[in-house]
Every structure is written in structure tokens, then in C-alpha cells.
């Protein structure tokens, strides 16, 4: 009897582990077809609306603000002479956003129609979106931003501010500035497993003081865009360029599809600083592209089987003065508990054993004095069947790698700063962010 009970416990544990690690459960074909049909209708509507604003895009191009969907390197996109706003730093600091454009006032919480956020986002030309309403905008379908040069100023909202819920926001363009907005998707339909905010961002992207949670894929993903030349050739995957995500919170991705992941981010001239990733099982964050990856003064809390990982043989990681705090779901007796970075090798068969370079310094792993004292003494965890020390020596550089200019503080100061300031704090922090920050502080 005792042996039977033990066997039953072991079997239950193995089953639980299998479910926990499993991804992409089988979805009935009929459900998938219905979802695909709906997505085609959504894309068709977006295409029709985009056609309506093309004349404005052509006029903007003549006036020095072209639409450049094929951008693949930082120099492909013109930069503004002044930062997007005081405090804008990193690769996306000089995004034009909607500077100098028409002001659209959101005066309804409706999904669509006159005065809606969707109406403003779907216009052409430089535009600044402000709010005279507060509350939840529940999207019925994804909100797709396709025309460039837009600023969404969430701090302009009255009361408690604005929250976007129900569906995903797709940034499928360039020169986008989004500040003080909440994106809390909260949907549980496994056939619509999208981020809270993501899309195909081209570049010149500035995300500041955003709170994103309850996504079904990641909470936020921005690292590449797919460009269709429309000349008969195949669409190509290109890196997002000139991107900053700063002062933001990414928390509590939903596990409806066994995919409760934080973020996949990256690109060329990419910078991510003073953000909080909290209570996502994986991708906190994942490096989604080759090239430079600046990751500084961030706080990562309560991960499970993956903290920060990704990249390839052409990645240049800068992990500087971040604060890692294991939480209730973090396996405290496993190497993952003190992992700062797991660099990946090249995806191409010719580079499968080749890794990029990493500048890793000043990071704190709470509860692990050894790794905190020397980040390379266990904190960098590439997979290899060969000589681990030799591999680490080939990855490590003690000379700073190229990275966009930012202001740096030490990791302890970053922890205090992020908990006090990150997320959509204007017009005020909401109950979700208050709860998340309290969980980080208490470790519970």
C-alpha cells in the first residue's frame, strides 16, 4: 500500500511536470479555422483603412516625413534633432512620434467610432492622441497602428487614467511614442494568443511608463517586423531598429496556452532600462534578435524556468546593474535561481556552437552573495557539452560593448527607483501595479 501511494505521488508529479513544461496544446481544427477566418477579416479591414490614408502618407513624404516600412538598420530611419521628451533615453530617444501633428482627443471609451482611440490610431499623418475620458477601453478586435508618426499621451487622461483591455495592440509602423498607458489584455481564448502589446514594430519606438499584463503570448514583444515587398518575392523578417522601452512594468502573463511569458525584445540600437518584469514564468526577457542589446537598471522578480536568455552568435549583450529577486515560484535550489543570462548559440547550422559577446557587470541576485560579487561566477549559464570555462571566456568581455547613451545608477538604487516610479504612474498608479510592487517588496 505504501509503495502504491509513493508510485501514485511520483506519477502525479511527473504528470504535473509534463503539463508545466508542455507548450501549444492541440486546439480543435474547427476552432482554428474560425479564428483564422476572423483574423483575415481583421486584416482586410485594416488594409482598407490604410488605403484611405495613403494620400496623407504621400503628402507627408513630400514634406520630409516618409513612410519607410523596409527599415532594417538604424540609419534607415531619420532621427529627430531633439529627444521625444525630457528623460527619453536609449535607442528610441529621438523618435519623431507625432511631434508637430494634429491633435486627436479621445472622448469615448467605445471600441470604435467617432472620438475613439481606434479612430485616432488609424488616421494618417503626424498625430498626437490625448484623452478627456478615463476608464477601460475594451477592444473587440486588435487595434492596429499602421501609419507612422504618432504619440499616445496617456498622462493626459483625467481621473485614474486609461486601460486597454480585451484585445491586443499591434504597432506595425515606425516613429511611435507611447507613454503612461495600461495594456491589460485579459482574454482567455487560446485561438487568439497574442501579446498585450506587440505587432511588427519597424523602429524609432519609444515606450515609456507603460504597464502591460495578462497577455497570452508575451505581455510585450518588440524585436522584429515582417516586410512584404509586394513584388512577388517572399516577405522578409527584419530587425526593429532604434527602440527604447523604459520605466515600464510587465507582469502576470496568463498561462491559458502554457505560455505565461514576459517579453521577447531586441533589435538594432535597442535599449531597455528601469523596467520591472514580475511573475512571468519565462522570457524575463528573451533576447529576440542579433546585434546590440542594452539591458540596464531593470528589476526581475519571481521567474520560474527562464529569466533572461536568447540571442545568437551575432548578439552583443550589455547586462548592467540589474536586480534579480527570486520569488515564490522560483526554484531556489536550482541554477535558474541565480541566472542573470543564458546566451544562446547561433540558429544556423553553421553557427550552432558559436556564441556572441557579453558585458555583464554590477548585477545583484538577491540571496546569492557569490554571483552578486562576481556575476560570471555562476550567473552566466550557456549550454554546452564542451569546456564550460573556455566557452565563458570566449563570451565574456570586460570592455563595455556599443550601446545607446543612458543614465546609469547602481543596482540597489535601480531597485528602489523602479519600484517607486515604473509603470503608468500618471495620472496615478492603479490597483494592479500597486499590488505587483507590494509583492516584489515583500517577496510573496
Foldseek 3Di string as FASTA:
>chain_A
DVVVVVVVVVVVVVVVVCVLPDFFDDDDPVLLVVLVVVVVVVVVVLVVLLVVAVVVQVVVVVVPQHFDLPDFEQVVHDFAPAFPDPPQFFLLRRQQALPPHAEQEQEDLEQDDPSHPLVQQSHAHRYEYAYAAEDENEHPEERERAHARHEYEQLRYPDPTYEYEQYAYADSGERYHYALYEQEHQDQPPSRQAASYEHAYAESYHAAQAEFEQGRAANYEAFWHWDDPPPPDDIDIHTYGRYEHAQAEFEYHDCSRSHQAHYAYEGERYAYELYEYEHGQAPLPEDHEAYEYHYALYEYEAYDPYHYEYYELRHEYEYYQAEYEHFDRYPCPDLRLQAPYAYAYHPDPVTRPHTHAYAHDQYYRPPDPVCNVPVLPSHYDYDDPDDPVVRSVVRYDNDDDDHIDDDHDGNVVSLVCSLVGGHSCHVHDDPVSVVRSVCRVVRD
